[in-house]
Amino acid sequence: MRVTTRSVSRSAASSLVVAALALVGIQAAGQTASAATKKATSVASVTTCTAANTELTVTEVSRPVNHLLLKATNTGTKPCYAYSAPYLRAGADAQAPLPWAPETTPQSVVTLEPGQSAYAGILTYSPDGEGGANEKTLGVTLTNRKGNAAGKEQTLKLPNGGVFFNSAASVTYWQDNAADALSW
């Protein structure tokens, strides 16, 4: 009889060990899921930079000649992504945005923490370009992950009462520093 009792006890003990291991596995899975949820939440808290959470300024630079510097500063409370390059309209009558300079594509999306800035260099004209006019405003629209317009266009006044643009005008992709934006 005692042998049977031990046999049942060992059987019960084995069941308890299996149940305990299963419980530990469930707890570990829960912790992994919790960590994944926290990571997803932190990624989800990053927004797209738009005119609503970003201050835009345009300034003239001494070098290189015929360039402007566009600066986007995150004024929001969350980090934001400065995707691709901005859509720019030189002058109120511009019918198409300036082309993006493909050779300036960064290796990753520029992420702006609150208070940080991204920069885009603007080539206003080249002797190889055609036509042109002195423009007083610059329409700026930021982009989303797919390269589409994100939010409304913001109109900036150009320095010195106006800047000359011709058909060679283009804009760089967003860079995390002004030197890179103006180095092309």
N, C-alpha and C. Protein backbone atom coordinates (compact mmCIF):
# COMPACT_ATOMS: atom_id res chain seq x y z
N MET A 1 0.82 -1.19 0.00
CA MET A 1 0.00 0.00 0.00
C MET A 1 0.85 1.24 0.00
N ARG A 2 1.90 1.19 0.70
CA ARG A 2 2.78 2.32 0.79
C ARG A 2 3.40 2.67 -0.57
N VAL A 3 3.71 1.67 -1.35
CA VAL A 3 4.27 1.86 -2.69
C VAL A 3 3.27 2.62 -3.55
N THR A 4 2.04 2.28 -3.47
CA THR A 4 1.01 2.95 -4.24
C THR A 4 0.88 4.39 -3.81
N THR A 5 0.94 4.64 -2.52
CA THR A 5 0.86 5.99 -2.01
C THR A 5 2.01 6.83 -2.54
N ARG A 6 3.22 6.27 -2.50
CA ARG A 6 4.37 6.99 -3.03
C ARG A 6 4.21 7.24 -4.52
N SER A 7 3.69 6.25 -5.21
CA SER A 7 3.50 6.38 -6.65
C SER A 7 2.54 7.52 -6.95
N VAL A 8 1.49 7.60 -6.19
CA VAL A 8 0.52 8.67 -6.38
C VAL A 8 1.16 10.00 -5.99
N SER A 9 1.95 10.01 -4.94
CA SER A 9 2.60 11.23 -4.51
C SER A 9 3.59 11.73 -5.55
N ARG A 10 4.35 10.79 -6.13
CA ARG A 10 5.29 11.20 -7.18
C ARG A 10 4.54 11.71 -8.40
N SER A 11 3.46 11.10 -8.70
CA SER A 11 2.64 11.52 -9.82
C SER A 11 2.09 12.92 -9.57
N ALA A 12 1.60 13.13 -8.37
CA ALA A 12 1.06 14.44 -8.01
C ALA A 12 2.17 15.49 -8.03
N ALA A 13 3.35 15.11 -7.53
CA ALA A 13 4.49 16.04 -7.54
C ALA A 13 4.88 16.39 -8.95
N SER A 14 4.89 15.43 -9.84
CA SER A 14 5.24 15.69 -11.24
C SER A 14 4.24 16.65 -11.87
N SER A 15 2.98 16.45 -11.55
CA SER A 15 1.94 17.34 -12.07
C SER A 15 2.13 18.76 -11.56
N LEU A 16 2.49 18.86 -10.28
CA LEU A 16 2.72 20.19 -9.70
C LEU A 16 3.91 20.89 -10.37
N VAL A 17 4.97 20.12 -10.64
CA VAL A 17 6.15 20.70 -11.30
C VAL A 17 5.77 21.18 -12.70
N VAL A 18 5.03 20.37 -13.44
CA VAL A 18 4.60 20.75 -14.79
C VAL A 18 3.73 22.01 -14.72
N ALA A 19 2.82 22.05 -13.76
CA ALA A 19 1.95 23.22 -13.61
C ALA A 19 2.76 24.47 -13.25
N ALA A 20 3.75 24.30 -12.38
CA ALA A 20 4.59 25.42 -11.99
C ALA A 20 5.39 25.95 -13.19
N LEU A 21 5.95 25.03 -13.97
CA LEU A 21 6.70 25.45 -15.15
C LEU A 21 5.80 26.16 -16.17
N ALA A 22 4.59 25.67 -16.31
CA ALA A 22 3.63 26.30 -17.21
C ALA A 22 3.31 27.72 -16.74
N LEU A 23 3.14 27.87 -15.41
CA LEU A 23 2.85 29.18 -14.85
C LEU A 23 4.01 30.14 -15.09
N VAL A 24 5.23 29.68 -14.89
CA VAL A 24 6.41 30.51 -15.13
C VAL A 24 6.46 30.91 -16.60
N GLY A 25 6.15 29.99 -17.50
CA GLY A 25 6.14 30.28 -18.93
C GLY A 25 5.11 31.34 -19.27
N ILE A 26 3.93 31.26 -18.66
CA ILE A 26 2.89 32.25 -18.90
C ILE A 26 3.31 33.61 -18.38
N GLN A 27 3.91 33.64 -17.19
CA GLN A 27 4.39 34.91 -16.64
C GLN A 27 5.47 35.52 -17.52
N ALA A 28 6.39 34.71 -18.02
CA ALA A 28 7.46 35.21 -18.89
C ALA A 28 6.88 35.75 -20.18
N ALA A 29 5.90 35.04 -20.73
CA ALA A 29 5.26 35.50 -21.96
C ALA A 29 4.55 36.83 -21.71
N GLY A 30 3.93 36.95 -20.55
CA GLY A 30 3.26 38.20 -20.19
C GLY A 30 4.25 39.35 -20.08
N GLN A 31 5.42 39.08 -19.48
CA GLN A 31 6.43 40.12 -19.37
C GLN A 31 6.96 40.52 -20.74
N THR A 32 7.16 39.54 -21.63
CA THR A 32 7.61 39.84 -22.99
C THR A 32 6.57 40.67 -23.72
N ALA A 33 5.31 40.29 -23.57
CA ALA A 33 4.24 41.05 -24.21
C ALA A 33 4.17 42.46 -23.64
N SER A 34 4.38 42.59 -22.33
CA SER A 34 4.38 43.90 -21.70
C SER A 34 5.50 44.77 -22.24
N ALA A 35 6.69 44.20 -22.41
CA ALA A 35 7.83 44.94 -22.96
C ALA A 35 7.57 45.34 -24.40
N ALA A 36 6.96 44.44 -25.17
CA ALA A 36 6.63 44.76 -26.56
C ALA A 36 5.60 45.87 -26.63
N THR A 37 4.61 45.85 -25.72
CA THR A 37 3.61 46.89 -25.68
C THR A 37 4.24 48.24 -25.35
N LYS A 38 5.16 48.26 -24.37
CA LYS A 38 5.83 49.51 -24.01
C LYS A 38 6.62 50.05 -25.19
N LYS A 39 7.33 49.17 -25.91
CA LYS A 39 8.12 49.60 -27.07
C LYS A 39 7.19 50.15 -28.14
N ALA A 40 6.08 49.47 -28.42
CA ALA A 40 5.13 49.93 -29.42
C ALA A 40 4.53 51.27 -29.01
N THR A 41 4.26 51.43 -27.73
CA THR A 41 3.71 52.69 -27.24
C THR A 41 4.71 53.82 -27.43
N SER A 42 6.00 53.57 -27.16
CA SER A 42 6.99 54.64 -27.33
C SER A 42 7.16 55.01 -28.80
N VAL A 43 7.11 54.02 -29.71
CA VAL A 43 7.18 54.31 -31.14
C VAL A 43 5.92 55.05 -31.57
N ALA A 44 4.77 54.65 -31.04
CA ALA A 44 3.51 55.29 -31.40
C ALA A 44 3.45 56.73 -30.90
N SER A 45 4.23 57.08 -29.89
CA SER A 45 4.17 58.44 -29.37
C SER A 45 4.96 59.43 -30.22
N VAL A 46 5.70 58.93 -31.22
CA VAL A 46 6.39 59.81 -32.16
C VAL A 46 5.40 60.16 -33.26
N THR A 47 5.26 61.46 -33.56
CA THR A 47 4.31 61.90 -34.56
C THR A 47 5.05 62.39 -35.81
N THR A 48 4.31 62.76 -36.81
CA THR A 48 4.86 63.36 -38.01
C THR A 48 5.00 64.86 -37.78
N CYS A 49 6.12 65.44 -38.19
CA CYS A 49 6.29 66.89 -38.09
C CYS A 49 5.33 67.57 -39.08
N THR A 50 4.54 68.50 -38.59
CA THR A 50 3.61 69.27 -39.41
C THR A 50 3.71 70.73 -39.00
N ALA A 51 3.00 71.59 -39.70
CA ALA A 51 2.99 73.01 -39.35
C ALA A 51 2.40 73.22 -37.95
N ALA A 52 1.59 72.29 -37.47
CA ALA A 52 0.97 72.41 -36.15
C ALA A 52 1.96 72.20 -35.01
N ASN A 53 3.02 71.40 -35.23
CA ASN A 53 3.97 71.12 -34.15
C ASN A 53 5.40 71.51 -34.50
N THR A 54 5.56 72.29 -35.56
CA THR A 54 6.89 72.65 -36.04
C THR A 54 6.94 74.11 -36.45
N GLU A 55 7.97 74.82 -36.00
CA GLU A 55 8.17 76.21 -36.43
C GLU A 55 9.16 76.21 -37.59
N LEU A 56 8.81 76.90 -38.66
CA LEU A 56 9.65 76.96 -39.85
C LEU A 56 10.24 78.35 -40.01
N THR A 57 11.53 78.42 -40.36
CA THR A 57 12.18 79.69 -40.67
C THR A 57 13.07 79.49 -41.90
N VAL A 58 13.23 80.53 -42.68
CA VAL A 58 14.12 80.49 -43.84
C VAL A 58 15.09 81.66 -43.72
N THR A 59 16.37 81.38 -43.92
CA THR A 59 17.40 82.43 -43.80
C THR A 59 18.35 82.37 -44.99
N GLU A 60 18.94 83.50 -45.27
CA GLU A 60 19.96 83.58 -46.31
C GLU A 60 21.28 83.15 -45.67
N VAL A 61 22.13 82.50 -46.46
CA VAL A 61 23.45 82.10 -45.98
C VAL A 61 24.51 82.74 -46.85
N SER A 62 25.69 83.00 -46.28
CA SER A 62 26.75 83.63 -47.06
C SER A 62 27.43 82.63 -48.00
N ARG A 63 27.53 81.39 -47.57
CA ARG A 63 28.11 80.34 -48.42
C ARG A 63 27.29 79.08 -48.28
N PRO A 64 27.06 78.36 -49.31
CA PRO A 64 27.38 78.70 -50.70
C PRO A 64 26.44 79.78 -51.23
N VAL A 65 26.91 80.49 -52.24
CA VAL A 65 26.08 81.53 -52.84
C VAL A 65 24.85 80.89 -53.44
N ASN A 66 23.85 81.66 -53.68
CA ASN A 66 22.56 81.27 -54.24
C ASN A 66 21.86 80.14 -53.47
N HIS A 67 22.03 80.12 -52.14
CA HIS A 67 21.39 79.14 -51.27
C HIS A 67 20.65 79.82 -50.12
N LEU A 68 19.62 79.15 -49.67
CA LEU A 68 18.90 79.52 -48.45
C LEU A 68 18.92 78.30 -47.54
N LEU A 69 18.67 78.53 -46.26
CA LEU A 69 18.58 77.45 -45.28
C LEU A 69 17.19 77.45 -44.66
N LEU A 70 16.50 76.32 -44.80
CA LEU A 70 15.19 76.15 -44.18
C LEU A 70 15.39 75.35 -42.90
N LYS A 71 14.84 75.85 -41.81
CA LYS A 71 14.99 75.22 -40.50
C LYS A 71 13.60 74.87 -39.96
N ALA A 72 13.44 73.63 -39.51
CA ALA A 72 12.19 73.17 -38.89
C ALA A 72 12.49 72.78 -37.45
N THR A 73 11.86 73.47 -36.49
CA THR A 73 12.10 73.21 -35.08
C THR A 73 10.83 72.62 -34.45
N ASN A 74 11.00 71.49 -33.76
CA ASN A 74 9.88 70.83 -33.10
C ASN A 74 9.43 71.67 -31.91
N THR A 75 8.22 72.20 -31.97
CA THR A 75 7.66 73.01 -30.88
C THR A 75 6.66 72.21 -30.05
N GLY A 76 6.47 70.94 -30.41
CA GLY A 76 5.52 70.09 -29.69
C GLY A 76 6.11 69.51 -28.42
N THR A 77 5.34 68.64 -27.79
CA THR A 77 5.78 67.99 -26.55
C THR A 77 6.24 66.56 -26.79
N LYS A 78 6.06 66.06 -28.02
CA LYS A 78 6.49 64.71 -28.37
C LYS A 78 7.52 64.78 -29.49
N PRO A 79 8.35 63.76 -29.62
CA PRO A 79 9.25 63.72 -30.78
C PRO A 79 8.44 63.65 -32.07
N CYS A 80 9.02 64.16 -33.16
CA CYS A 80 8.35 64.06 -34.46
C CYS A 80 9.36 63.68 -35.54
N TYR A 81 8.84 63.04 -36.58
CA TYR A 81 9.67 62.63 -37.71
C TYR A 81 9.60 63.68 -38.82
N ALA A 82 10.77 64.13 -39.28
CA ALA A 82 10.86 65.02 -40.45
C ALA A 82 11.12 64.10 -41.65
N TYR A 83 10.05 63.70 -42.31
CA TYR A 83 10.15 62.75 -43.41
C TYR A 83 10.63 63.42 -44.70
N SER A 84 11.40 62.70 -45.47
CA SER A 84 11.83 63.06 -46.83
C SER A 84 12.34 64.49 -46.91
N ALA A 85 11.65 65.31 -47.68
CA ALA A 85 12.02 66.71 -47.90
C ALA A 85 10.73 67.52 -47.92
N PRO A 86 10.82 68.82 -47.71
CA PRO A 86 9.60 69.62 -47.75
C PRO A 86 9.19 69.91 -49.20
N TYR A 87 7.90 70.09 -49.40
CA TYR A 87 7.41 70.62 -50.67
C TYR A 87 7.51 72.13 -50.58
N LEU A 88 8.19 72.75 -51.54
CA LEU A 88 8.38 74.20 -51.53
C LEU A 88 7.79 74.83 -52.79
N ARG A 89 7.08 75.93 -52.59
CA ARG A 89 6.57 76.75 -53.70
C ARG A 89 7.25 78.09 -53.62
N ALA A 90 8.07 78.41 -54.62
CA ALA A 90 8.75 79.71 -54.65
C ALA A 90 7.82 80.72 -55.30
N GLY A 91 7.22 81.56 -54.47
CA GLY A 91 6.28 82.58 -54.96
C GLY A 91 4.85 82.09 -54.91
N ALA A 92 3.94 83.05 -54.82
CA ALA A 92 2.52 82.74 -54.69
C ALA A 92 1.95 82.11 -55.95
N ASP A 93 2.55 82.38 -57.10
CA ASP A 93 2.02 81.87 -58.37
C ASP A 93 2.63 80.55 -58.81
N ALA A 94 3.54 79.97 -58.03
CA ALA A 94 4.20 78.72 -58.42
C ALA A 94 3.17 77.61 -58.55
N GLN A 95 3.27 76.87 -59.66
CA GLN A 95 2.31 75.81 -59.90
C GLN A 95 2.84 74.43 -59.53
N ALA A 96 4.16 74.31 -59.37
CA ALA A 96 4.75 73.01 -59.01
C ALA A 96 5.80 73.23 -57.93
N PRO A 97 5.97 72.24 -57.06
CA PRO A 97 6.99 72.39 -56.02
C PRO A 97 8.39 72.23 -56.59
N LEU A 98 9.37 72.77 -55.87
CA LEU A 98 10.77 72.59 -56.27
C LEU A 98 11.11 71.11 -56.19
N PRO A 99 11.95 70.61 -57.11
CA PRO A 99 12.34 69.20 -57.04
C PRO A 99 13.25 68.94 -55.85
N TRP A 100 13.21 67.69 -55.35
CA TRP A 100 14.09 67.26 -54.28
C TRP A 100 15.41 66.81 -54.88
N ALA A 101 16.52 67.11 -54.22
CA ALA A 101 17.85 66.71 -54.68
C ALA A 101 18.10 65.27 -54.21
N PRO A 102 18.00 64.27 -55.10
CA PRO A 102 18.08 62.87 -54.67
C PRO A 102 19.43 62.49 -54.05
N GLU A 103 20.49 63.19 -54.41
CA GLU A 103 21.81 62.86 -53.86
C GLU A 103 21.94 63.23 -52.38
N THR A 104 20.93 63.88 -51.83
CA THR A 104 20.99 64.29 -50.42
C THR A 104 20.13 63.41 -49.51
N THR A 105 19.63 62.30 -50.02
CA THR A 105 18.79 61.41 -49.23
C THR A 105 19.57 60.89 -48.03
N PRO A 106 19.10 61.13 -46.81
CA PRO A 106 19.81 60.63 -45.62
C PRO A 106 19.61 59.13 -45.46
N GLN A 107 20.41 58.51 -44.60
CA GLN A 107 20.30 57.07 -44.37
C GLN A 107 19.09 56.70 -43.53
N SER A 108 18.57 57.65 -42.78
CA SER A 108 17.39 57.37 -41.95
C SER A 108 16.56 58.64 -41.81
N VAL A 109 15.36 58.45 -41.33
CA VAL A 109 14.45 59.58 -41.09
C VAL A 109 15.01 60.43 -39.95
N VAL A 110 14.93 61.74 -40.10
CA VAL A 110 15.40 62.63 -39.05
C VAL A 110 14.31 62.73 -37.97
N THR A 111 14.68 62.38 -36.74
CA THR A 111 13.76 62.45 -35.61
C THR A 111 14.10 63.67 -34.78
N LEU A 112 13.09 64.49 -34.53
CA LEU A 112 13.28 65.72 -33.75
C LEU A 112 12.65 65.58 -32.37
N GLU A 113 13.48 65.62 -31.35
CA GLU A 113 12.96 65.71 -29.99
C GLU A 113 12.42 67.13 -29.81
N PRO A 114 11.56 67.36 -28.82
CA PRO A 114 11.07 68.73 -28.60
C PRO A 114 12.24 69.71 -28.48
N GLY A 115 12.18 70.79 -29.25
CA GLY A 115 13.22 71.82 -29.24
C GLY A 115 14.33 71.60 -30.26
N GLN A 116 14.44 70.40 -30.83
CA GLN A 116 15.48 70.13 -31.83
C GLN A 116 15.02 70.56 -33.22
N SER A 117 16.02 70.73 -34.13
CA SER A 117 15.73 71.21 -35.48
C SER A 117 16.29 70.29 -36.56
N ALA A 118 15.65 70.35 -37.72
CA ALA A 118 16.13 69.70 -38.94
C ALA A 118 16.35 70.81 -39.96
N TYR A 119 17.19 70.53 -40.97
CA TYR A 119 17.58 71.57 -41.92
C TYR A 119 17.48 71.05 -43.35
N ALA A 120 17.07 71.94 -44.25
CA ALA A 120 17.06 71.63 -45.68
C ALA A 120 17.71 72.80 -46.41
N GLY A 121 18.62 72.49 -47.32
CA GLY A 121 19.27 73.51 -48.12
C GLY A 121 18.45 73.77 -49.38
N ILE A 122 18.35 75.03 -49.78
CA ILE A 122 17.59 75.39 -50.96
C ILE A 122 18.53 76.07 -51.96
N LEU A 123 18.70 75.45 -53.12
CA LEU A 123 19.43 76.07 -54.23
C LEU A 123 18.41 76.94 -54.95
N THR A 124 18.65 78.25 -55.01
CA THR A 124 17.66 79.15 -55.59
C THR A 124 17.80 79.32 -57.10
N TYR A 125 19.03 79.29 -57.59
CA TYR A 125 19.23 79.41 -59.04
C TYR A 125 20.61 78.90 -59.41
N SER A 126 20.78 78.69 -60.70
CA SER A 126 22.06 78.29 -61.26
C SER A 126 22.18 78.97 -62.62
N PRO A 127 23.39 79.29 -63.07
CA PRO A 127 23.55 79.87 -64.41
C PRO A 127 23.01 78.95 -65.51
N ASP A 128 22.94 77.65 -65.23
CA ASP A 128 22.41 76.70 -66.20
C ASP A 128 20.88 76.74 -66.28
N GLY A 129 20.24 77.34 -65.29
CA GLY A 129 18.79 77.38 -65.26
C GLY A 129 18.22 78.37 -66.26
N GLU A 130 16.93 78.23 -66.48
CA GLU A 130 16.24 79.11 -67.43
C GLU A 130 15.25 80.00 -66.71
N GLY A 131 14.94 81.13 -67.34
CA GLY A 131 13.92 82.04 -66.82
C GLY A 131 14.23 82.49 -65.42
N GLY A 132 13.18 82.70 -64.67
CA GLY A 132 13.34 83.07 -63.28
C GLY A 132 12.65 84.36 -62.92
N ALA A 133 12.50 84.56 -61.64
CA ALA A 133 11.84 85.77 -61.12
C ALA A 133 12.26 85.97 -59.67
N ASN A 134 12.12 87.19 -59.22
CA ASN A 134 12.38 87.54 -57.83
C ASN A 134 11.09 87.25 -57.04
N GLU A 135 11.15 86.29 -56.14
CA GLU A 135 9.97 85.87 -55.37
C GLU A 135 10.05 86.38 -53.94
N LYS A 136 8.89 86.74 -53.39
CA LYS A 136 8.84 87.32 -52.05
C LYS A 136 8.44 86.32 -50.97
N THR A 137 7.81 85.21 -51.36
CA THR A 137 7.33 84.23 -50.37
C THR A 137 7.77 82.82 -50.75
N LEU A 138 7.76 81.97 -49.73
CA LEU A 138 8.08 80.56 -49.91
C LEU A 138 6.99 79.76 -49.21
N GLY A 139 6.24 78.98 -49.99
CA GLY A 139 5.22 78.09 -49.42
C GLY A 139 5.89 76.79 -49.01
N VAL A 140 5.69 76.35 -47.77
CA VAL A 140 6.34 75.14 -47.25
C VAL A 140 5.26 74.17 -46.74
N THR A 141 5.33 72.94 -47.26
CA THR A 141 4.46 71.87 -46.78
C THR A 141 5.34 70.70 -46.39
N LEU A 142 5.17 70.21 -45.17
CA LEU A 142 5.94 69.06 -44.71
C LEU A 142 5.30 67.78 -45.23
N THR A 143 6.04 66.68 -45.15
CA THR A 143 5.55 65.42 -45.72
C THR A 143 5.38 64.35 -44.66
N ASN A 144 4.56 63.36 -45.01
CA ASN A 144 4.37 62.22 -44.12
C ASN A 144 5.24 61.05 -44.57
N ARG A 145 5.09 59.93 -43.96
CA ARG A 145 5.91 58.75 -44.22
C ARG A 145 5.85 58.32 -45.69
N LYS A 146 4.71 58.52 -46.34
CA LYS A 146 4.54 58.10 -47.73
C LYS A 146 4.98 59.18 -48.73
N GLY A 147 5.44 60.32 -48.23
CA GLY A 147 5.87 61.40 -49.11
C GLY A 147 4.74 62.31 -49.55
N ASN A 148 3.58 62.17 -48.93
CA ASN A 148 2.44 63.04 -49.24
C ASN A 148 2.45 64.24 -48.30
N ALA A 149 1.71 65.26 -48.67
CA ALA A 149 1.61 66.46 -47.84
C ALA A 149 1.05 66.10 -46.47
N ALA A 150 1.67 66.65 -45.43
CA ALA A 150 1.24 66.43 -44.05
C ALA A 150 0.83 67.78 -43.46
N GLY A 151 -0.43 68.03 -43.43
CA GLY A 151 -0.90 69.30 -42.88
C GLY A 151 -0.97 70.40 -43.93
N LYS A 152 -1.17 71.59 -43.45
CA LYS A 152 -1.36 72.74 -44.34
C LYS A 152 -0.03 73.39 -44.70
N GLU A 153 -0.06 74.09 -45.81
CA GLU A 153 1.12 74.85 -46.25
C GLU A 153 1.30 76.07 -45.35
N GLN A 154 2.53 76.36 -45.05
CA GLN A 154 2.86 77.55 -44.27
C GLN A 154 3.63 78.49 -45.21
N THR A 155 3.26 79.76 -45.24
CA THR A 155 3.92 80.73 -46.11
C THR A 155 4.92 81.55 -45.31
N LEU A 156 6.17 81.54 -45.78
CA LEU A 156 7.25 82.29 -45.13
C LEU A 156 7.66 83.45 -46.03
N LYS A 157 8.03 84.57 -45.43
CA LYS A 157 8.59 85.69 -46.19
C LYS A 157 10.05 85.40 -46.44
N LEU A 158 10.48 85.62 -47.67
CA LEU A 158 11.88 85.41 -48.02
C LEU A 158 12.72 86.60 -47.58
N PRO A 159 14.00 86.38 -47.27
CA PRO A 159 14.87 87.46 -46.81
C PRO A 159 15.07 88.55 -47.87
N ASN A 160 15.43 89.72 -47.41
CA ASN A 160 15.78 90.87 -48.26
C ASN A 160 14.65 91.30 -49.19
N GLY A 161 13.41 91.04 -48.82
CA GLY A 161 12.29 91.46 -49.64
C GLY A 161 12.07 90.60 -50.88
N GLY A 162 12.88 89.57 -51.06
CA GLY A 162 12.71 88.67 -52.19
C GLY A 162 14.01 88.02 -52.61
N VAL A 163 13.90 86.87 -53.25
CA VAL A 163 15.05 86.09 -53.70
C VAL A 163 14.79 85.62 -55.12
N PHE A 164 15.84 85.59 -55.95
CA PHE A 164 15.71 85.15 -57.33
C PHE A 164 15.73 83.62 -57.40
N PHE A 165 14.74 83.06 -58.09
CA PHE A 165 14.65 81.62 -58.35
C PHE A 165 14.56 81.41 -59.85
N ASN A 166 15.25 80.37 -60.36
CA ASN A 166 15.05 79.99 -61.76
C ASN A 166 14.77 78.49 -61.84
N SER A 167 14.75 77.94 -63.05
CA SER A 167 14.36 76.55 -63.25
C SER A 167 15.30 75.53 -62.62
N ALA A 168 16.49 75.94 -62.21
CA ALA A 168 17.46 75.03 -61.58
C ALA A 168 17.25 74.90 -60.08
N ALA A 169 16.31 75.62 -59.51
CA ALA A 169 16.08 75.60 -58.06
C ALA A 169 15.69 74.20 -57.59
N SER A 170 16.18 73.83 -56.40
CA SER A 170 15.85 72.52 -55.80
C SER A 170 16.04 72.61 -54.29
N VAL A 171 15.64 71.54 -53.61
CA VAL A 171 15.75 71.49 -52.15
C VAL A 171 16.31 70.13 -51.73
N THR A 172 17.10 70.12 -50.64
CA THR A 172 17.65 68.87 -50.12
C THR A 172 16.59 68.16 -49.27
N TYR A 173 16.87 66.91 -48.99
CA TYR A 173 16.10 66.18 -47.98
C TYR A 173 16.48 66.77 -46.62
N TRP A 174 15.64 66.50 -45.62
CA TRP A 174 15.94 66.99 -44.27
C TRP A 174 17.24 66.36 -43.76
N GLN A 175 18.05 67.19 -43.12
CA GLN A 175 19.31 66.74 -42.52
C GLN A 175 19.27 67.11 -41.04
N ASP A 176 20.09 66.45 -40.22
CA ASP A 176 20.08 66.75 -38.79
C ASP A 176 21.02 67.89 -38.42
N ASN A 177 21.73 68.48 -39.42
CA ASN A 177 22.57 69.66 -39.14
C ASN A 177 22.65 70.54 -40.38
N ALA A 178 22.89 71.83 -40.14
CA ALA A 178 22.90 72.81 -41.23
C ALA A 178 24.06 72.59 -42.20
N ALA A 179 25.21 72.17 -41.70
CA ALA A 179 26.38 71.96 -42.58
C ALA A 179 26.08 70.92 -43.65
N ASP A 180 25.44 69.81 -43.28
CA ASP A 180 25.11 68.78 -44.27
C ASP A 180 24.07 69.30 -45.27
N ALA A 181 23.12 70.09 -44.80
CA ALA A 181 22.09 70.63 -45.69
C ALA A 181 22.68 71.59 -46.73
N LEU A 182 23.78 72.24 -46.39
CA LEU A 182 24.37 73.21 -47.31
C LEU A 182 25.61 72.70 -48.04
N SER A 183 25.96 71.44 -47.87
CA SER A 183 27.21 70.94 -48.43
C SER A 183 27.09 70.42 -49.87
N TRP A 184 25.96 70.43 -50.45
CA TRP A 184 25.82 69.90 -51.82
C TRP A 184 25.93 70.95 -52.88
